[in-house]
Amino acid sequence: MKSLLRSIPVLLLALSLAACGSSEKAPPAAHTDEKGHAHDDAKGHDKGEAHAETEGHSEGDRHESGESGEHGEGGHAEAIKLTPEARKAANLTVAPAGPATLVESVPLYGVVKPNAERMRSVTARFPGVVRSVAVKVGDSVRQGQALASVESNESLQVYTTTSPLAGVVTERLTNPGEQAEAAPLFTVADLSTVWVELSLFPRDRARVKLGQDVRVQATDGGLSGDGKIVFVSPLGTGATQTITARVLLDNLEGQWAPGLYVRAEVAVGKTDVPLAVPVAALQELDEGGLSVFVDDADGLEPRPVKTGRNDGRFVEIIEGISAGDAVVGEGSFVLKAEQGKGGAEHGH
């Protein structure tokens, strides 16, 4: 009995230790579950996020790529197609791009005057009384045509005064009944050529020389022509010491009326460039920058260009087109308007 009582505490201690062992082992199992669950969650979450992110990114990439492709296709404006009738109505001029000579010029202003070397004053051969006058200012006359009749004081005979050259009557200085003396009765000018007298400031004197080409244009812009410097005055006049430079201009059609005010460009230097187009060919389109319209198999296609030097007639082309490309000059503004309409319709 005593030995039984002594063994009871030992049994209780063993049971207590067994319970503790069982209690300590349970958390690792729970930990294992949590770890496994956390791992699975993390793994699943990471995988899901990565999958979603990858799908989103790929879809985004595809979306961006698609947009970029559309923009790339639409980035170049489409060629304009016009019927021959529409081209004619638009007055399009087409010429190949190629080499040109750019002119450096000095701008000057002046006035058209008769060619003084082709003017004649008509006087009476003998003093007398003017009996009749056959012409007025502005009349065209032939060489030898009668201008007036004069009764001589000495012989009392009536004789005629005639024009010494073909031209225009620019002055009439007599009337019937007046005395004809040594003073001129008429002035007749041959206006088949005229002078343009330009006002030249001293600072430009060294650059303007005999023989230089000159482009002359009426100040209203409606008339233009080409001539050469035939005279530069050696002395200045007036308070500003203005120098006169004279241009000889053909006037067979009579378009250059004496007294007309003009603007002139005197060519003082020239530069050859390998590729150029007329100024009229350049247009600023909606996307900005300058473009020209090239006539090719697809139609009239706008092409952006990089420009260089400009002399007011031609513009140097650095890049954008090649020599030989058929470029629209006059009428390119019509194509710009057509392209603008196409862009507006596309926008809607």
C-alpha atoms as a PDB file:
ATOM      1  CA  MET A   1       0.000   0.000   0.000  1.00  0.00           C
ATOM      2  CA  LYS A   2       2.813   2.361   0.870  1.00  0.00           C
ATOM      3  CA  SER A   3       4.529   1.678  -2.403  1.00  0.00           C
ATOM      4  CA  LEU A   4       1.285   2.435  -4.246  1.00  0.00           C
ATOM      5  CA  LEU A   5       0.942   5.746  -2.501  1.00  0.00           C
ATOM      6  CA  ARG A   6       4.543   6.584  -3.338  1.00  0.00           C
ATOM      7  CA  SER A   7       3.998   5.873  -7.023  1.00  0.00           C
ATOM      8  CA  ILE A   8       0.909   8.141  -7.380  1.00  0.00           C
ATOM      9  CA  PRO A   9       2.933  11.407  -7.487  1.00  0.00           C
ATOM     10  CA  VAL A  10       5.182   9.906 -10.113  1.00  0.00           C
ATOM     11  CA  LEU A  11       2.201   9.027 -12.275  1.00  0.00           C
ATOM     12  CA  LEU A  12       0.726  12.489 -11.850  1.00  0.00           C
ATOM     13  CA  LEU A  13       4.031  14.049 -12.875  1.00  0.00           C
ATOM     14  CA  ALA A  14       4.221  11.842 -15.958  1.00  0.00           C
ATOM     15  CA  LEU A  15       0.684  12.754 -16.963  1.00  0.00           C
ATOM     16  CA  SER A  16       1.489  16.414 -16.466  1.00  0.00           C
ATOM     17  CA  LEU A  17       4.596  16.180 -18.612  1.00  0.00           C
ATOM     18  CA  ALA A  18       2.683  14.329 -21.323  1.00  0.00           C
ATOM     19  CA  ALA A  19       0.059  17.033 -21.394  1.00  0.00           C
ATOM     20  CA  CYS A  20       2.726  19.731 -21.693  1.00  0.00           C
ATOM     21  CA  GLY A  21       4.418  17.921 -24.534  1.00  0.00           C
ATOM     22  CA  SER A  22       1.172  17.582 -26.361  1.00  0.00           C
ATOM     23  CA  SER A  23       0.409  21.261 -25.783  1.00  0.00           C
ATOM     24  CA  GLU A  24       3.829  22.446 -27.130  1.00  0.00           C
ATOM     25  CA  LYS A  25       3.591  20.314 -30.268  1.00  0.00           C
ATOM     26  CA  ALA A  26       0.187  21.708 -31.268  1.00  0.00           C
ATOM     27  CA  PRO A  27       1.363  25.265 -32.104  1.00  0.00           C
ATOM     28  CA  PRO A  28       3.907  24.065 -34.651  1.00  0.00           C
ATOM     29  CA  ALA A  29       1.080  22.331 -36.439  1.00  0.00           C
ATOM     30  CA  ALA A  30      -0.929  25.517 -36.303  1.00  0.00           C
ATOM     31  CA  HIS A  31       2.146  27.456 -37.383  1.00  0.00           C
ATOM     32  CA  THR A  32       2.602  25.045 -40.189  1.00  0.00           C
ATOM     33  CA  ASP A  33      -0.967  25.658 -41.235  1.00  0.00           C
ATOM     34  CA  GLU A  34      -0.540  29.413 -41.003  1.00  0.00           C
ATOM     35  CA  LYS A  35       2.728  29.267 -42.836  1.00  0.00           C
ATOM     36  CA  GLY A  36       1.274  27.050 -45.477  1.00  0.00           C
ATOM     37  CA  HIS A  37      -1.787  29.258 -45.746  1.00  0.00           C
ATOM     38  CA  ALA A  38       0.285  32.430 -45.817  1.00  0.00           C
ATOM     39  CA  HIS A  39       2.611  30.944 -48.349  1.00  0.00           C
ATOM     40  CA  ASP A  40      -0.244  29.792 -50.502  1.00  0.00           C
ATOM     41  CA  ASP A  41      -1.968  33.161 -50.121  1.00  0.00           C
ATOM     42  CA  ALA A  42       1.169  35.073 -50.906  1.00  0.00           C
ATOM     43  CA  LYS A  43       1.964  32.798 -53.741  1.00  0.00           C
ATOM     44  CA  GLY A  44      -1.543  32.983 -55.057  1.00  0.00           C
ATOM     45  CA  HIS A  45      -1.729  36.736 -54.495  1.00  0.00           C
ATOM     46  CA  ASP A  46       1.641  37.405 -56.108  1.00  0.00           C
ATOM     47  CA  LYS A  47       0.775  35.176 -58.972  1.00  0.00           C
ATOM     48  CA  GLY A  48      -2.617  36.788 -59.362  1.00  0.00           C
ATOM     49  CA  GLU A  49      -1.208  40.278 -59.150  1.00  0.00           C
ATOM     50  CA  ALA A  50       1.598  39.420 -61.521  1.00  0.00           C
ATOM     51  CA  HIS A  51      -0.893  37.808 -63.863  1.00  0.00           C
ATOM     52  CA  ALA A  52      -3.210  40.768 -63.695  1.00  0.00           C
ATOM     53  CA  GLU A  53      -0.367  43.221 -64.016  1.00  0.00           C
ATOM     54  CA  THR A  54       1.109  41.273 -66.905  1.00  0.00           C
ATOM     55  CA  GLU A  55      -2.230  41.091 -68.645  1.00  0.00           C
ATOM     56  CA  GLY A  56      -2.877  44.742 -67.997  1.00  0.00           C
ATOM     57  CA  HIS A  57       0.572  45.709 -69.186  1.00  0.00           C
ATOM     58  CA  SER A  58       0.355  43.545 -72.249  1.00  0.00           C
ATOM     59  CA  GLU A  59      -3.075  44.915 -73.044  1.00  0.00           C
ATOM     60  CA  GLY A  60      -1.799  48.415 -72.444  1.00  0.00           C
ATOM     61  CA  ASP A  61       1.187  47.755 -74.622  1.00  0.00           C
ATOM     62  CA  ARG A  62      -1.048  46.411 -77.322  1.00  0.00           C
ATOM     63  CA  HIS A  63      -3.330  49.437 -76.966  1.00  0.00           C
ATOM     64  CA  GLU A  64      -0.442  51.874 -77.115  1.00  0.00           C
ATOM     65  CA  SER A  65       1.099  50.006 -80.001  1.00  0.00           C
ATOM     66  CA  GLY A  66      -2.191  50.118 -81.856  1.00  0.00           C
ATOM     67  CA  GLU A  67      -2.531  53.873 -81.252  1.00  0.00           C
ATOM     68  CA  SER A  68       1.021  54.452 -82.377  1.00  0.00           C
ATOM     69  CA  GLY A  69       0.415  52.486 -85.536  1.00  0.00           C
ATOM     70  CA  GLU A  70      -2.713  54.485 -86.297  1.00  0.00           C
ATOM     71  CA  HIS A  71      -0.899  57.740 -85.706  1.00  0.00           C
ATOM     72  CA  GLY A  72       1.976  56.596 -87.882  1.00  0.00           C
ATOM     73  CA  GLU A  73      -0.387  55.821 -90.706  1.00  0.00           C
ATOM     74  CA  GLY A  74      -2.231  59.107 -90.273  1.00  0.00           C
ATOM     75  CA  GLY A  75       0.901  61.154 -89.665  1.00  0.00           C
ATOM     76  CA  HIS A  76       1.463  61.645 -93.400  1.00  0.00           C
ATOM     77  CA  ALA A  77      -1.329  63.551 -95.086  1.00  0.00           C
ATOM     78  CA  GLU A  78      -2.992  61.715 -97.917  1.00  0.00           C
ATOM     79  CA  ALA A  79      -2.416  62.752-101.504  1.00  0.00           C
ATOM     80  CA  ILE A  80      -5.039  64.997-103.079  1.00  0.00           C
ATOM     81  CA  LYS A  81      -6.576  63.721-106.280  1.00  0.00           C
ATOM     82  CA  LEU A  82      -7.885  66.312-108.750  1.00  0.00           C
ATOM     83  CA  THR A  83      -9.427  65.824-112.157  1.00  0.00           C
ATOM     84  CA  PRO A  84      -7.743  67.514-115.128  1.00  0.00           C
ATOM     85  CA  GLU A  85     -10.621  69.997-115.159  1.00  0.00           C
ATOM     86  CA  ALA A  86     -10.086  70.852-111.479  1.00  0.00           C
ATOM     87  CA  ARG A  87      -6.351  71.271-112.038  1.00  0.00           C
ATOM     88  CA  LYS A  88      -7.019  73.661-114.882  1.00  0.00           C
ATOM     89  CA  ALA A  89      -9.558  75.625-112.845  1.00  0.00           C
ATOM     90  CA  ALA A  90      -7.031  75.959-110.005  1.00  0.00           C
ATOM     91  CA  ASN A  91      -4.370  77.267-112.429  1.00  0.00           C
ATOM     92  CA  LEU A  92      -1.794  74.829-111.081  1.00  0.00           C
ATOM     93  CA  THR A  93       1.731  75.108-112.432  1.00  0.00           C
ATOM     94  CA  VAL A  94       4.027  72.113-112.003  1.00  0.00           C
ATOM     95  CA  ALA A  95       7.788  72.096-112.573  1.00  0.00           C
ATOM     96  CA  PRO A  96      10.646  69.814-111.506  1.00  0.00           C
ATOM     97  CA  ALA A  97      12.670  70.869-108.475  1.00  0.00           C
ATOM     98  CA  GLY A  98      16.294  71.480-109.353  1.00  0.00           C
ATOM     99  CA  PRO A  99      19.268  73.847-109.265  1.00  0.00           C
ATOM    100  CA  ALA A 100      18.704  77.595-109.115  1.00  0.00           C
ATOM    101  CA  THR A 101      20.647  80.813-108.799  1.00  0.00           C
ATOM    102  CA  LEU A 102      19.686  82.861-105.764  1.00  0.00           C
ATOM    103  CA  VAL A 103      20.184  86.586-106.108  1.00  0.00           C
ATOM    104  CA  GLU A 104      21.294  88.919-103.324  1.00  0.00           C
ATOM    105  CA  SER A 105      19.697  92.281-103.970  1.00  0.00           C
ATOM    106  CA  VAL A 106      19.476  95.882-102.782  1.00  0.00           C
ATOM    107  CA  PRO A 107      15.915  97.277-102.636  1.00  0.00           C
ATOM    108  CA  LEU A 108      15.443 100.775-104.089  1.00  0.00           C
ATOM    109  CA  TYR A 109      12.541 103.053-105.020  1.00  0.00           C
ATOM    110  CA  GLY A 110      12.117 105.359-107.984  1.00  0.00           C
ATOM    111  CA  VAL A 111       9.970 106.665-110.814  1.00  0.00           C
ATOM    112  CA  VAL A 112       9.540 105.942-114.537  1.00  0.00           C
ATOM    113  CA  LYS A 113      10.699 108.722-116.878  1.00  0.00           C
ATOM    114  CA  PRO A 114      10.984 109.061-120.668  1.00  0.00           C
ATOM    115  CA  ASN A 115      14.279 108.040-122.177  1.00  0.00           C
ATOM    116  CA  ALA A 116      15.838 111.478-122.619  1.00  0.00           C
ATOM    117  CA  GLU A 117      18.060 110.150-125.405  1.00  0.00           C
ATOM    118  CA  ARG A 118      14.926 109.358-127.408  1.00  0.00           C
ATOM    119  CA  MET A 119      13.156 112.718-126.989  1.00  0.00           C
ATOM    120  CA  ARG A 120      13.010 115.602-129.461  1.00  0.00           C
ATOM    121  CA  SER A 121      11.880 119.211-129.187  1.00  0.00           C
ATOM    122  CA  VAL A 122      10.049 120.519-132.274  1.00  0.00           C
ATOM    123  CA  THR A 123      10.561 124.186-133.227  1.00  0.00           C
ATOM    124  CA  ALA A 124       9.423 126.387-136.109  1.00  0.00           C
ATOM    125  CA  ARG A 125      11.845 126.553-139.004  1.00  0.00           C
ATOM    126  CA  PHE A 126      11.051 130.226-139.531  1.00  0.00           C
ATOM    127  CA  PRO A 127       9.416 132.703-137.171  1.00  0.00           C
ATOM    128  CA  GLY A 128       5.749 133.248-137.837  1.00  0.00           C
ATOM    129  CA  VAL A 129       2.171 132.794-136.667  1.00  0.00           C
ATOM    130  CA  VAL A 130       0.789 129.369-135.790  1.00  0.00           C
ATOM    131  CA  ARG A 131      -2.258 128.826-138.002  1.00  0.00           C
ATOM    132  CA  SER A 132      -3.281 125.316-136.890  1.00  0.00           C
ATOM    133  CA  VAL A 133      -2.298 122.534-134.485  1.00  0.00           C
ATOM    134  CA  ALA A 134      -2.959 118.903-135.457  1.00  0.00           C
ATOM    135  CA  VAL A 135      -2.055 116.986-132.279  1.00  0.00           C
ATOM    136  CA  LYS A 136      -2.512 117.009-128.543  1.00  0.00           C
ATOM    137  CA  VAL A 137      -0.567 115.589-125.587  1.00  0.00           C
ATOM    138  CA  GLY A 138      -0.676 111.790-125.561  1.00  0.00           C
ATOM    139  CA  ASP A 139      -1.163 111.345-129.288  1.00  0.00           C
ATOM    140  CA  SER A 140       1.021 108.791-131.026  1.00  0.00           C
ATOM    141  CA  VAL A 141       2.728 110.141-134.112  1.00  0.00           C
ATOM    142  CA  ARG A 142       4.764 108.755-136.972  1.00  0.00           C
ATOM    143  CA  GLN A 143       8.093 110.094-138.111  1.00  0.00           C
ATOM    144  CA  GLY A 144       7.379 112.951-140.554  1.00  0.00           C
ATOM    145  CA  GLN A 145       3.753 113.408-139.435  1.00  0.00           C
ATOM    146  CA  ALA A 146       2.455 117.022-139.474  1.00  0.00           C
ATOM    147  CA  LEU A 147       2.118 118.616-136.040  1.00  0.00           C
ATOM    148  CA  ALA A 148       1.258 122.253-136.869  1.00  0.00           C
ATOM    149  CA  SER A 149       1.160 124.798-139.671  1.00  0.00           C
ATOM    150  CA  VAL A 150       2.974 128.134-139.420  1.00  0.00           C
ATOM    151  CA  GLU A 151       2.744 131.226-141.624  1.00  0.00           C
ATOM    152  CA  SER A 152       6.220 132.655-142.120  1.00  0.00           C
ATOM    153  CA  ASN A 153       6.684 136.338-141.265  1.00  0.00           C
ATOM    154  CA  GLU A 154       9.200 136.733-144.083  1.00  0.00           C
ATOM    155  CA  SER A 155       7.687 134.825-146.975  1.00  0.00           C
ATOM    156  CA  LEU A 156       4.074 134.862-145.791  1.00  0.00           C
ATOM    157  CA  GLN A 157       3.989 131.253-146.925  1.00  0.00           C
ATOM    158  CA  VAL A 158       2.428 128.564-144.715  1.00  0.00           C
ATOM    159  CA  TYR A 159       4.633 125.594-143.942  1.00  0.00           C
ATOM    160  CA  THR A 160       4.197 122.560-141.664  1.00  0.00           C
ATOM    161  CA  THR A 161       6.267 121.404-138.744  1.00  0.00           C
ATOM    162  CA  THR A 162       6.657 117.640-138.586  1.00  0.00           C
ATOM    163  CA  SER A 163       7.698 115.037-136.015  1.00  0.00           C
ATOM    164  CA  PRO A 164      11.366 114.059-136.245  1.00  0.00           C
ATOM    165  CA  LEU A 165      10.696 110.549-134.886  1.00  0.00           C
ATOM    166  CA  ALA A 166       7.940 108.069-134.146  1.00  0.00           C
ATOM    167  CA  GLY A 167       6.663 108.387-130.619  1.00  0.00           C
ATOM    168  CA  VAL A 168       4.191 110.149-128.348  1.00  0.00           C
ATOM    169  CA  VAL A 169       3.528 113.857-127.937  1.00  0.00           C
ATOM    170  CA  THR A 170       4.520 114.567-124.339  1.00  0.00           C
ATOM    171  CA  GLU A 171       4.313 118.377-124.493  1.00  0.00           C
ATOM    172  CA  ARG A 172       2.273 120.833-126.562  1.00  0.00           C
ATOM    173  CA  LEU A 173       3.490 124.391-125.988  1.00  0.00           C
ATOM    174  CA  THR A 174       1.573 126.343-128.632  1.00  0.00           C
ATOM    175  CA  ASN A 175      -1.943 127.154-129.850  1.00  0.00           C
ATOM    176  CA  PRO A 176      -3.341 128.651-133.063  1.00  0.00           C
ATOM    177  CA  GLY A 177      -2.713 132.411-133.331  1.00  0.00           C
ATOM    178  CA  GLU A 178       0.411 132.397-131.184  1.00  0.00           C
ATOM    179  CA  GLN A 179       3.818 133.480-132.397  1.00  0.00           C
ATOM    180  CA  ALA A 180       6.270 130.737-133.283  1.00  0.00           C
ATOM    181  CA  GLU A 181       9.767 131.760-132.363  1.00  0.00           C
ATOM    182  CA  ALA A 182      12.865 129.838-131.332  1.00  0.00           C
ATOM    183  CA  ALA A 183      11.088 128.203-128.355  1.00  0.00           C
ATOM    184  CA  PRO A 184       9.876 124.605-128.748  1.00  0.00           C
ATOM    185  CA  LEU A 185       6.334 124.048-129.967  1.00  0.00           C
ATOM    186  CA  PHE A 186       6.130 120.334-129.071  1.00  0.00           C
ATOM    187  CA  THR A 187       8.080 117.577-127.410  1.00  0.00           C
ATOM    188  CA  VAL A 188       7.895 114.082-128.876  1.00  0.00           C
ATOM    189  CA  ALA A 189       9.258 111.037-127.039  1.00  0.00           C
ATOM    190  CA  ASP A 190       9.948 107.540-128.295  1.00  0.00           C
ATOM    191  CA  LEU A 191       8.611 105.467-125.355  1.00  0.00           C
ATOM    192  CA  SER A 192       9.629 102.062-126.725  1.00  0.00           C
ATOM    193  CA  THR A 193      12.227 102.245-123.947  1.00  0.00           C
ATOM    194  CA  VAL A 194      11.996 104.211-120.703  1.00  0.00           C
ATOM    195  CA  TRP A 195      14.264 105.110-117.843  1.00  0.00           C
ATOM    196  CA  VAL A 196      13.656 104.190-114.236  1.00  0.00           C
ATOM    197  CA  GLU A 197      15.459 106.661-112.008  1.00  0.00           C
ATOM    198  CA  LEU A 198      16.190 105.135-108.615  1.00  0.00           C
ATOM    199  CA  SER A 199      17.197 106.971-105.458  1.00  0.00           C
ATOM    200  CA  LEU A 200      20.381 105.462-104.070  1.00  0.00           C
ATOM    201  CA  PHE A 201      21.740 106.297-100.625  1.00  0.00           C
ATOM    202  CA  PRO A 202      25.519 106.719-100.197  1.00  0.00           C
ATOM    203  CA  ARG A 203      25.753 103.570 -98.035  1.00  0.00           C
ATOM    204  CA  ASP A 204      24.699 101.463-101.041  1.00  0.00           C
ATOM    205  CA  ARG A 205      26.809 103.303-103.610  1.00  0.00           C
ATOM    206  CA  ALA A 206      29.688 100.817-103.516  1.00  0.00           C
ATOM    207  CA  ARG A 207      27.346  97.872-104.187  1.00  0.00           C
ATOM    208  CA  VAL A 208      25.408  99.273-107.153  1.00  0.00           C
ATOM    209  CA  LYS A 209      27.344  99.260-110.434  1.00  0.00           C
ATOM    210  CA  LEU A 210      26.866  99.627-114.165  1.00  0.00           C
ATOM    211  CA  GLY A 211      25.521  96.559-115.938  1.00  0.00           C
ATOM    212  CA  GLN A 212      23.843  94.964-112.922  1.00  0.00           C
ATOM    213  CA  ASP A 213      20.486  93.262-113.466  1.00  0.00           C
ATOM    214  CA  VAL A 214      17.445  94.946-111.952  1.00  0.00           C
ATOM    215  CA  ARG A 215      13.956  93.648-111.280  1.00  0.00           C
ATOM    216  CA  VAL A 216      11.424  96.507-111.422  1.00  0.00           C
ATOM    217  CA  GLN A 217       7.896  96.285-110.031  1.00  0.00           C
ATOM    218  CA  ALA A 218       5.096  98.847-109.870  1.00  0.00           C
ATOM    219  CA  THR A 219       4.336  99.757-106.263  1.00  0.00           C
ATOM    220  CA  ASP A 220       0.802  98.406-106.656  1.00  0.00           C
ATOM    221  CA  GLY A 221       2.331  95.011-107.527  1.00  0.00           C
ATOM    222  CA  GLY A 222       0.527  94.660-110.840  1.00  0.00           C
ATOM    223  CA  LEU A 223       3.415  95.181-113.252  1.00  0.00           C
ATOM    224  CA  SER A 224       7.009  93.954-113.349  1.00  0.00           C
ATOM    225  CA  GLY A 225       9.962  93.863-115.737  1.00  0.00           C
ATOM    226  CA  ASP A 226      13.718  93.419-115.992  1.00  0.00           C
ATOM    227  CA  GLY A 227      16.418  95.869-116.991  1.00  0.00           C
ATOM    228  CA  LYS A 228      20.026  96.867-116.346  1.00  0.00           C
ATOM    229  CA  ILE A 229      21.805  99.726-114.602  1.00  0.00           C
ATOM    230  CA  VAL A 230      22.997 102.069-117.376  1.00  0.00           C
ATOM    231  CA  PHE A 231      24.058 105.072-115.300  1.00  0.00           C
ATOM    232  CA  VAL A 232      25.059 105.944-111.740  1.00  0.00           C
ATOM    233  CA  SER A 233      25.488 109.625-110.975  1.00  0.00           C
ATOM    234  CA  PRO A 234      28.941 110.537-109.653  1.00  0.00           C
ATOM    235  CA  LEU A 235      27.565 113.219-107.332  1.00  0.00           C
ATOM    236  CA  GLY A 236      24.906 113.210-104.643  1.00  0.00           C
ATOM    237  CA  THR A 237      22.148 115.800-104.503  1.00  0.00           C
ATOM    238  CA  GLY A 238      20.158 117.429-101.727  1.00  0.00           C
ATOM    239  CA  ALA A 239      20.680 117.370 -97.994  1.00  0.00           C
ATOM    240  CA  THR A 240      20.881 113.562 -97.936  1.00  0.00           C
ATOM    241  CA  GLN A 241      23.302 113.422-100.893  1.00  0.00           C
ATOM    242  CA  THR A 242      21.020 111.015-102.739  1.00  0.00           C
ATOM    243  CA  ILE A 243      22.562 109.408-105.825  1.00  0.00           C
ATOM    244  CA  THR A 244      20.576 108.568-108.959  1.00  0.00           C
ATOM    245  CA  ALA A 245      20.895 105.115-110.484  1.00  0.00           C
ATOM    246  CA  ARG A 246      19.240 104.742-113.880  1.00  0.00           C
ATOM    247  CA  VAL A 247      17.716 101.586-115.357  1.00  0.00           C
ATOM    248  CA  LEU A 248      16.922 101.104-119.052  1.00  0.00           C
ATOM    249  CA  LEU A 249      13.625  99.245-119.426  1.00  0.00           C
ATOM    250  CA  ASP A 250      11.933  97.893-122.574  1.00  0.00           C
ATOM    251  CA  ASN A 251       8.482  99.389-123.092  1.00  0.00           C
ATOM    252  CA  LEU A 252       7.292  98.130-126.480  1.00  0.00           C
ATOM    253  CA  GLU A 253       3.783  97.553-125.138  1.00  0.00           C
ATOM    254  CA  GLY A 254       3.649 100.997-123.550  1.00  0.00           C
ATOM    255  CA  GLN A 255       2.889  99.553-120.126  1.00  0.00           C
ATOM    256  CA  TRP A 256       5.448 101.696-118.290  1.00  0.00           C
ATOM    257  CA  ALA A 257       3.895 105.142-118.207  1.00  0.00           C
ATOM    258  CA  PRO A 258       6.201 108.046-117.273  1.00  0.00           C
ATOM    259  CA  GLY A 259       5.442 109.165-113.728  1.00  0.00           C
ATOM    260  CA  LEU A 260       4.725 105.647-112.426  1.00  0.00           C
ATOM    261  CA  TYR A 261       6.299 104.914-109.028  1.00  0.00           C
ATOM    262  CA  VAL A 262       8.201 101.651-108.756  1.00  0.00           C
ATOM    263  CA  ARG A 263      10.182  99.415-106.439  1.00  0.00           C
ATOM    264  CA  ALA A 264      13.377  97.810-107.742  1.00  0.00           C
ATOM    265  CA  GLU A 265      15.681  94.982-106.661  1.00  0.00           C
ATOM    266  CA  VAL A 266      19.251  95.488-107.865  1.00  0.00           C
ATOM    267  CA  ALA A 267      21.173  92.201-108.096  1.00  0.00           C
ATOM    268  CA  VAL A 268      24.479  92.714-106.278  1.00  0.00           C
ATOM    269  CA  GLY A 269      25.458  89.056-105.780  1.00  0.00           C
ATOM    270  CA  LYS A 270      24.530  85.552-106.931  1.00  0.00           C
ATOM    271  CA  THR A 271      24.716  82.102-105.304  1.00  0.00           C
ATOM    272  CA  ASP A 272      24.100  78.758-107.020  1.00  0.00           C
ATOM    273  CA  VAL A 273      22.193  76.140-104.983  1.00  0.00           C
ATOM    274  CA  PRO A 274      21.665  72.479-105.979  1.00  0.00           C
ATOM    275  CA  LEU A 275      17.962  72.286-105.146  1.00  0.00           C
ATOM    276  CA  ALA A 276      15.298  74.984-105.001  1.00  0.00           C
ATOM    277  CA  VAL A 277      11.590  75.608-105.613  1.00  0.00           C
ATOM    278  CA  PRO A 278       9.592  78.768-106.314  1.00  0.00           C
ATOM    279  CA  VAL A 279       8.477  80.717-103.246  1.00  0.00           C
ATOM    280  CA  ALA A 280       4.864  80.166-104.318  1.00  0.00           C
ATOM    281  CA  ALA A 281       5.321  76.397-103.832  1.00  0.00           C
ATOM    282  CA  LEU A 282       5.744  76.653-100.054  1.00  0.00           C
ATOM    283  CA  GLN A 283       2.703  76.321 -97.808  1.00  0.00           C
ATOM    284  CA  GLU A 284       2.391  76.131 -94.027  1.00  0.00           C
ATOM    285  CA  LEU A 285       0.088  73.221 -93.235  1.00  0.00           C
ATOM    286  CA  ASP A 286      -1.934  72.451 -90.089  1.00  0.00           C
ATOM    287  CA  GLU A 287       0.724  70.265 -88.464  1.00  0.00           C
ATOM    288  CA  GLY A 288       3.156  73.189 -88.657  1.00  0.00           C
ATOM    289  CA  GLY A 289       6.263  73.738 -90.702  1.00  0.00           C
ATOM    290  CA  LEU A 290       6.566  74.266 -94.429  1.00  0.00           C
ATOM    291  CA  SER A 291       5.548  71.769 -97.082  1.00  0.00           C
ATOM    292  CA  VAL A 292       5.383  71.509-100.855  1.00  0.00           C
ATOM    293  CA  PHE A 293       2.945  69.501-102.967  1.00  0.00           C
ATOM    294  CA  VAL A 294       4.575  66.879-105.190  1.00  0.00           C
ATOM    295  CA  ASP A 295       2.692  65.563-108.212  1.00  0.00           C
ATOM    296  CA  ASP A 296       3.274  61.811-108.374  1.00  0.00           C
ATOM    297  CA  ALA A 297       1.414  58.610-109.200  1.00  0.00           C
ATOM    298  CA  ASP A 298      -0.651  58.799-105.988  1.00  0.00           C
ATOM    299  CA  GLY A 299      -1.821  62.354-106.632  1.00  0.00           C
ATOM    300  CA  LEU A 300      -0.723  65.701-105.220  1.00  0.00           C
ATOM    301  CA  GLU A 301       1.089  64.747-102.036  1.00  0.00           C
ATOM    302  CA  PRO A 302       2.170  67.276 -99.372  1.00  0.00           C
ATOM    303  CA  ARG A 303       5.745  66.715 -98.221  1.00  0.00           C
ATOM    304  CA  PRO A 304       7.410  68.554 -95.325  1.00  0.00           C
ATOM    305  CA  VAL A 305      10.640  70.296 -96.302  1.00  0.00           C
ATOM    306  CA  LYS A 306      13.533  72.006 -94.594  1.00  0.00           C
ATOM    307  CA  THR A 307      14.408  75.288 -96.291  1.00  0.00           C
ATOM    308  CA  GLY A 308      17.586  77.324 -96.614  1.00  0.00           C
ATOM    309  CA  ARG A 309      18.310  80.618 -98.340  1.00  0.00           C
ATOM    310  CA  ASN A 310      15.594  82.689-100.000  1.00  0.00           C
ATOM    311  CA  ASP A 311      15.837  85.507-102.540  1.00  0.00           C
ATOM    312  CA  GLY A 312      12.131  86.273-102.815  1.00  0.00           C
ATOM    313  CA  ARG A 313      11.762  84.222-106.013  1.00  0.00           C
ATOM    314  CA  PHE A 314      13.284  80.852-105.136  1.00  0.00           C
ATOM    315  CA  VAL A 315      13.872  79.016-101.859  1.00  0.00           C
ATOM    316  CA  GLU A 316      16.703  76.567-101.284  1.00  0.00           C
ATOM    317  CA  ILE A 317      15.526  73.104-100.160  1.00  0.00           C
ATOM    318  CA  ILE A 318      17.802  71.297 -97.692  1.00  0.00           C
ATOM    319  CA  GLU A 319      15.764  68.115 -97.288  1.00  0.00           C
ATOM    320  CA  GLY A 320      12.310  66.679 -97.926  1.00  0.00           C
ATOM    321  CA  ILE A 321      12.270  66.280-101.723  1.00  0.00           C
ATOM    322  CA  SER A 322      14.677  65.261-104.461  1.00  0.00           C
ATOM    323  CA  ALA A 323      15.841  66.862-107.687  1.00  0.00           C
ATOM    324  CA  GLY A 324      13.370  66.100-110.437  1.00  0.00           C
ATOM    325  CA  ASP A 325      10.313  65.861-108.181  1.00  0.00           C
ATOM    326  CA  ALA A 326       7.365  67.585-109.865  1.00  0.00           C
ATOM    327  CA  VAL A 327       6.477  70.416-107.491  1.00  0.00           C
ATOM    328  CA  VAL A 328       3.353  72.574-107.647  1.00  0.00           C
ATOM    329  CA  GLY A 329       4.197  76.282-107.785  1.00  0.00           C
ATOM    330  CA  GLU A 330       1.345  78.651-108.568  1.00  0.00           C
ATOM    331  CA  GLY A 331      -1.954  77.396-107.183  1.00  0.00           C
ATOM    332  CA  SER A 332      -0.470  75.469-104.243  1.00  0.00           C
ATOM    333  CA  PHE A 333      -2.658  77.518-101.879  1.00  0.00           C
ATOM    334  CA  VAL A 334      -5.691  75.824-103.474  1.00  0.00           C
ATOM    335  CA  LEU A 335      -4.240  72.447-102.492  1.00  0.00           C
ATOM    336  CA  LYS A 336      -3.646  73.717 -98.963  1.00  0.00           C
ATOM    337  CA  ALA A 337      -7.329  74.638 -98.734  1.00  0.00           C
ATOM    338  CA  GLU A 338      -8.334  71.213-100.076  1.00  0.00           C
ATOM    339  CA  GLN A 339      -6.129  69.471 -97.541  1.00  0.00           C
ATOM    340  CA  GLY A 340      -7.593  71.611 -94.761  1.00  0.00           C
ATOM    341  CA  LYS A 341     -11.099  70.517 -95.750  1.00  0.00           C
ATOM    342  CA  GLY A 342     -10.006  66.896 -95.721  1.00  0.00           C
ATOM    343  CA  GLY A 343      -8.489  67.308 -92.245  1.00  0.00           C
ATOM    344  CA  ALA A 344     -11.670  68.928 -90.916  1.00  0.00           C
ATOM    345  CA  GLU A 345     -13.825  66.089 -92.276  1.00  0.00           C
ATOM    346  CA  HIS A 346     -11.464  63.531 -90.726  1.00  0.00           C
ATOM    347  CA  GLY A 347     -11.725  65.372 -87.401  1.00  0.00           C
ATOM    348  CA  HIS A 348     -15.532  65.025 -87.425  1.00  0.00           C
END
